[in-house]
Protein backbone atom coordinates (compact mmCIF):
# COMPACT_ATOMS: atom_id res chain seq x y z
CA MET A 1 117.58 93.99 71.10
CA THR A 2 120.27 94.63 68.46
CA GLN A 3 120.12 98.34 69.25
CA VAL A 4 120.52 97.66 72.97
CA MET A 5 123.52 95.36 72.40
CA GLU A 6 125.15 98.00 70.20
CA PHE A 7 124.54 100.58 72.92
CA LEU A 8 126.17 98.34 75.55
CA LYS A 9 129.22 97.81 73.33
CA ARG A 10 129.59 101.56 72.89
CA LEU A 11 129.08 102.05 76.61
CA ILE A 12 131.99 99.71 77.36
CA ARG A 13 134.18 101.66 74.94
CA VAL A 14 133.31 104.95 76.66
CA LEU A 15 133.99 103.47 80.09
CA LYS A 16 137.39 102.36 78.81
CA ILE A 17 137.98 105.96 77.77
CA ILE A 18 137.15 107.04 81.31
CA VAL A 19 139.55 104.55 82.88
CA GLY A 20 142.23 105.26 80.29
CA SER A 21 142.04 109.03 80.73
CA LEU A 22 143.12 109.27 84.35
CA MET A 23 146.30 111.26 83.72
CA SER A 24 144.98 114.70 84.64
CA PRO A 25 141.77 116.67 85.18
CA ARG A 26 142.27 118.41 81.86
CA THR A 27 142.53 115.07 80.09
CA ILE A 28 139.18 114.06 81.56
CA HIS A 29 137.50 117.30 80.56
CA ASP A 30 138.92 117.49 77.03
CA CYS A 31 139.05 113.81 76.16
CA LEU A 32 136.16 112.26 78.05
CA ILE A 33 133.54 114.94 77.45
CA SER A 34 134.33 115.38 73.76
CA LYS A 35 134.27 111.64 73.14
CA ALA A 36 131.18 111.15 75.30
CA MET A 37 129.34 113.89 73.41
CA ALA A 38 130.27 112.29 70.09
CA PHE A 39 129.13 108.94 71.44
CA LEU A 40 125.80 110.30 72.65
CA LYS A 41 125.00 111.81 69.26
CA LYS A 42 124.95 108.26 67.89
CA ILE A 43 122.40 106.90 70.34
CA ILE A 44 119.46 109.23 69.84
CA GLY A 45 117.17 106.23 69.27
CA VAL A 46 118.25 104.32 72.37
CA PRO A 47 115.65 104.14 75.19
CA LYS A 48 116.19 107.00 77.66
CA ILE A 49 116.22 104.67 80.66
CA ILE A 50 119.34 102.97 79.24
CA VAL A 51 120.97 106.35 78.61
CA GLY A 52 120.27 107.14 82.25
CA MET A 53 122.11 103.96 83.22
CA PHE A 54 125.14 105.23 81.30
CA PHE A 55 125.34 108.40 83.41
CA LYS A 56 124.73 106.48 86.62
CA ILE A 57 127.52 103.97 85.95
CA SER A 58 129.96 106.60 84.66
CA THR A 59 129.43 108.79 87.72
CA LYS A 60 130.07 105.91 90.09
CA ILE A 61 133.34 105.07 88.32
CA LEU A 62 134.55 108.67 88.38
CA LEU A 63 133.77 109.02 92.09
CA ARG A 64 135.87 105.95 92.83
CA VAL A 65 138.94 107.25 91.03
CA PRO A 66 141.55 107.89 93.81
CA PHE A 67 142.83 111.23 92.52
CA MET A 68 139.36 112.75 92.07
CA SER A 69 139.00 113.65 95.76
CA ASN A 70 142.29 115.56 95.59
CA PHE A 71 141.17 117.18 92.35
CA VAL A 72 137.86 118.36 93.87
CA CYS A 73 139.49 119.61 97.08
CA ALA A 74 142.44 121.32 95.43
CA GLY A 75 140.65 124.68 95.44
CA THR A 76 142.68 126.32 92.69
CA THR A 77 140.85 128.73 90.40
CA GLU A 78 141.76 126.74 87.31
CA ARG A 79 140.53 123.45 88.70
CA GLU A 80 137.35 124.99 90.10
CA LYS A 81 136.65 126.32 86.60
CA GLU A 82 137.22 122.85 85.13
CA ILE A 83 134.83 121.34 87.66
CA GLU A 84 132.17 123.90 86.78
CA GLU A 85 132.63 123.23 83.07
CA LEU A 86 132.30 119.52 83.68
CA LYS A 87 129.08 120.07 85.64
CA GLN A 88 127.65 122.25 82.90
CA ASP A 89 128.44 119.64 80.26
CA CYS A 90 126.78 116.91 82.33
CA ASP A 91 123.72 119.08 82.95
CA GLU A 92 123.42 119.76 79.24
CA ILE A 93 123.58 116.06 78.42
CA ARG A 94 121.04 115.15 81.14
CA LYS A 95 118.57 117.76 79.89
CA LYS A 96 119.03 116.62 76.32
CA PHE A 97 118.07 113.08 77.26
CA ASN A 98 115.27 114.05 79.68
CA ALA A 99 117.06 112.74 82.76
CA VAL A 100 116.06 115.87 84.69
CA GLY A 101 114.23 114.94 87.89
CA TYR A 102 116.04 111.64 88.36
CA VAL A 103 116.41 110.90 92.08
CA VAL A 104 119.79 109.44 93.05
CA GLU A 105 119.95 106.41 95.33
CA ARG A 106 121.30 108.28 98.35
CA LYS A 107 118.43 110.78 98.32
CA TRP A 108 115.86 108.09 97.67
CA SER A 109 117.05 106.04 100.64
CA SER A 110 116.58 109.06 102.89
CA ILE A 111 112.99 109.40 101.60
CA VAL A 112 111.73 105.82 101.86
CA LYS A 113 113.16 105.33 105.37
CA ASP A 114 110.20 107.40 106.61
CA GLN A 115 107.63 104.87 105.45
CA ALA A 116 104.17 105.51 106.89
CA LYS A 117 101.36 103.08 107.53
CA VAL A 118 98.40 104.38 105.54
CA THR A 119 95.02 102.63 105.73
CA LEU A 120 91.79 103.71 104.06
CA ASN A 121 88.93 104.71 106.37
CA PRO A 122 85.63 103.41 104.90
CA ASP A 123 83.66 105.81 107.14
CA THR A 124 85.04 108.70 105.07
CA ALA A 125 84.36 107.07 101.67
CA ASN A 126 81.92 108.44 99.13
CA PRO A 127 78.95 106.02 98.70
CA SER A 128 80.02 105.38 95.10
CA LEU A 129 83.33 103.87 96.26
CA ALA A 130 84.17 100.37 97.48
CA VAL A 131 86.98 100.04 100.05
CA SER A 132 88.60 96.63 100.56
CA PRO A 133 88.18 95.01 104.03
CA ASP A 134 91.86 95.57 104.90
CA GLY A 135 91.72 99.23 103.85
CA SER A 136 94.37 98.90 101.16
CA GLN A 137 92.36 99.36 97.95
CA VAL A 138 89.57 101.58 96.66
CA ARG A 139 87.62 101.47 93.41
CA PHE A 140 84.62 103.10 91.78
CA LYS A 141 81.48 100.91 91.98
CA GLY A 142 80.14 102.11 88.64
CA GLU A 143 77.30 104.27 89.92
CA GLY A 144 77.41 107.90 91.03
CA SER A 145 77.43 111.37 89.56
CA ALA A 146 80.49 112.88 91.28
CA GLU A 147 83.54 113.28 89.04
CA TRP A 148 86.04 112.83 91.89
CA PRO A 149 84.56 110.71 94.73
CA SER A 150 87.12 110.33 97.51
CA VAL A 151 88.17 108.55 100.68
CA LEU A 152 90.63 109.52 103.43
CA SER A 153 93.14 107.48 105.39
CA ARG A 154 92.63 106.65 109.05
CA GLU A 155 95.97 108.27 109.81
CA GLY A 156 96.35 112.04 110.01
CA PHE A 157 99.64 113.93 110.22
CA THR A 158 100.57 116.93 112.37
CA SER A 159 104.36 116.52 112.47
CA GLY A 160 107.30 114.50 111.14
CA ARG A 161 108.09 112.97 107.74
CA HIS A 162 105.84 110.40 106.11
CA TYR A 163 106.25 108.43 102.87
CA TRP A 164 103.61 106.27 101.16
CA GLU A 165 103.08 104.77 97.72
CA VAL A 166 100.03 104.02 95.58
CA GLU A 167 99.85 101.84 92.49
CA VAL A 168 97.68 103.53 89.86
CA GLY A 169 98.35 101.06 87.05
CA GLU A 170 96.79 101.92 83.69
CA LYS A 171 93.93 103.99 85.14
CA GLY A 172 93.09 107.08 83.11
CA TYR A 173 91.50 109.01 86.00
CA TRP A 174 92.71 109.35 89.59
CA ALA A 175 93.72 111.91 92.20
CA LEU A 176 96.15 111.48 95.12
CA GLY A 177 97.57 113.74 97.79
CA ILE A 178 96.48 115.22 101.13
CA SER A 179 93.46 117.10 102.42
CA LYS A 180 92.58 119.01 105.58
CA TYR A 181 88.85 118.30 105.19
CA LEU A 182 87.47 115.40 107.25
CA ASP A 183 83.82 115.70 106.22
CA GLU A 184 84.07 116.02 102.43
CA LYS A 185 83.69 112.90 100.30
CA ILE A 186 84.04 114.62 96.93
CA ILE A 187 87.12 116.47 95.66
CA PRO A 188 85.94 119.67 93.93
CA GLU A 189 86.79 120.00 90.25
CA LYS A 190 88.66 123.19 91.16
CA PRO A 191 89.68 122.78 94.81
CA GLU A 192 90.33 125.76 97.05
CA MET A 193 93.11 125.84 99.66
CA GLY A 194 93.04 122.68 101.73
CA TYR A 195 93.78 120.14 98.98
CA TRP A 196 97.24 119.34 97.60
CA LEU A 197 96.91 116.79 94.81
CA LEU A 198 98.44 115.11 91.80
CA ARG A 199 95.70 114.30 89.30
CA ARG A 200 95.40 112.37 86.05
CA TRP A 201 92.45 112.79 83.72
CA LYS A 202 91.42 112.07 80.13
CA GLY A 203 93.99 109.30 80.04
CA ASN A 204 97.16 111.32 79.51
CA MET A 205 96.62 114.70 81.20
CA TYR A 206 98.45 115.35 84.47
CA GLU A 207 98.19 118.35 86.77
CA ALA A 208 99.22 119.52 90.23
CA VAL A 209 96.08 120.73 91.98
CA SER A 210 95.58 123.07 94.93
CA GLN A 211 94.08 126.57 94.82
CA SER A 212 95.51 126.66 91.28
CA LEU A 213 96.02 124.07 88.54
CA VAL A 214 99.51 123.45 87.16
CA PRO A 215 99.70 121.29 83.98
CA LEU A 216 102.51 118.74 84.12
CA THR A 217 104.42 116.91 81.39
CA LEU A 218 105.78 113.50 82.32
CA GLN A 219 108.58 111.93 80.30
CA HIS A 220 108.06 108.43 81.68
CA LYS A 221 105.16 106.04 82.22
CA LEU A 222 103.53 106.46 85.63
CA TYR A 223 102.27 103.25 87.24
CA LYS A 224 103.14 103.94 90.87
CA VAL A 225 103.16 107.26 92.74
CA GLY A 226 105.35 107.92 95.77
CA MET A 227 104.50 110.77 98.17
CA ILE A 228 106.64 112.27 100.94
CA LEU A 229 105.18 114.77 103.39
CA ASP A 230 107.76 116.76 105.37
CA TYR A 231 105.54 118.54 107.86
CA GLN A 232 108.24 120.69 109.46
CA LYS A 233 109.56 121.91 106.11
CA GLY A 234 106.05 122.39 104.75
CA GLU A 235 106.65 120.22 101.68
CA LEU A 236 104.63 117.56 99.89
CA SER A 237 106.52 115.92 97.01
CA PHE A 238 105.30 113.44 94.40
CA TYR A 239 107.52 110.89 92.67
CA ASN A 240 107.21 108.56 89.72
CA VAL A 241 108.41 105.24 91.15
CA TYR A 242 109.37 103.96 87.71
CA ASP A 243 110.87 100.66 88.88
CA GLY A 244 112.96 99.23 91.70
CA SER A 245 115.99 101.39 90.92
CA THR A 246 114.67 104.41 88.99
CA ARG A 247 112.61 107.29 90.38
CA TYR A 248 111.73 110.76 89.09
CA GLU A 249 110.48 113.79 90.98
CA ILE A 250 107.19 115.10 89.58
CA HIS A 251 106.11 118.08 91.68
CA THR A 252 106.47 119.66 95.13
CA PHE A 253 103.95 121.78 97.05
CA ASN A 254 105.16 124.21 99.70
CA TYR A 255 102.75 125.25 102.45
CA LYS A 256 102.52 125.59 106.22
CA PHE A 257 100.20 122.64 106.81
CA THR A 258 97.75 122.09 109.65
CA GLU A 259 96.45 118.57 110.34
CA VAL A 260 96.19 116.72 107.02
CA TYR A 261 95.09 113.28 105.83
CA PRO A 262 96.12 111.30 102.75
CA VAL A 263 93.23 111.42 100.25
CA PHE A 264 92.44 109.07 97.37
CA SER A 265 90.08 109.26 94.40
CA PRO A 266 89.91 106.52 91.75
CA GLY A 267 87.77 108.81 89.61
CA SER A 268 84.41 107.77 88.17
CA HIS A 269 85.29 106.51 84.69
CA ASP A 270 86.50 102.95 85.34
CA ARG A 271 86.48 100.32 88.08
CA GLY A 272 90.24 99.85 88.31
CA PRO A 273 91.50 100.07 91.91
CA LEU A 274 94.05 102.28 93.57
CA LYS A 275 96.36 100.05 95.64
CA ILE A 276 98.37 101.22 98.64
CA THR A 277 101.83 99.67 98.91
CA ARG A 278 102.73 97.85 102.09
CA PHE A 279 106.34 98.15 103.23
CA LYS A 280 108.45 95.48 104.87
CA SER A 281 111.88 96.34 106.22
CA GLY A 282 114.64 93.84 105.98
CA ASP A 283 118.42 93.96 105.64
CA GLY A 284 118.28 97.75 105.75
CA ASN A 285 116.41 98.00 102.45
CA PRO A 286 112.72 98.77 102.00
CA LYS A 287 110.73 95.90 100.52
CA ARG A 288 107.34 96.55 98.97
CA GLN A 289 104.32 94.37 98.64
CA LEU A 290 100.84 95.24 97.52
CA TYR A 291 98.16 94.47 100.08
């Protein structure tokens, strides 16, 4: 707690630098960036999520500064160079503190507005799986030899944009994504074309799975997975829904899909459930509840 309070005090001092440096673009670049870099060197031990808050707040303040719009639109070679330098400095800082992949609020709002109703279809479930009566949860019963028993959703997609979320909790084995196969109740260990998945195994191993396996390194805990299928663009993207205001992009598949169905596997190593998130719209903001 002491470390966090010290960070907040330093954050306030840096924000004062921002507000007090509004004399010229050059002042911002030379004064703000140099002081910010010096400040950041002192907070190596501060949780990365708090560092991310620093960039988020600082960016909002800069964008509200009246002269910044004139500065950005001026179009002179010198100022364009200063803008590019500023971007490069910010990118360097973000990479240094593992903020790469952070999804800004504006982009996230455009994703979650395409919420899809996804319900598990027990008729497609492997016999070793138990599906809840309302079709919102699936778990391994404890008996069965398949490594990745699976179940599909009732809903299939052939067009449009569709977003859904699944809470995976502390489970060490699970697989989520889409499949074009309606009659298969087991996900192959090494799937061929027709599966597009994010998979966790052995507790801390993550991989993107299709006709090839791509190992993934996650910088943040993953308790809830968000998925957006853009059928027209041929994209399926996975997100770490870290909390109510912080999201990170994990991986994107690109393919010209045919009819596909959301697919779920809780694995066969524990009885913890996978839980589909139910969305409620109100006041223009998505509200989430677990079934």
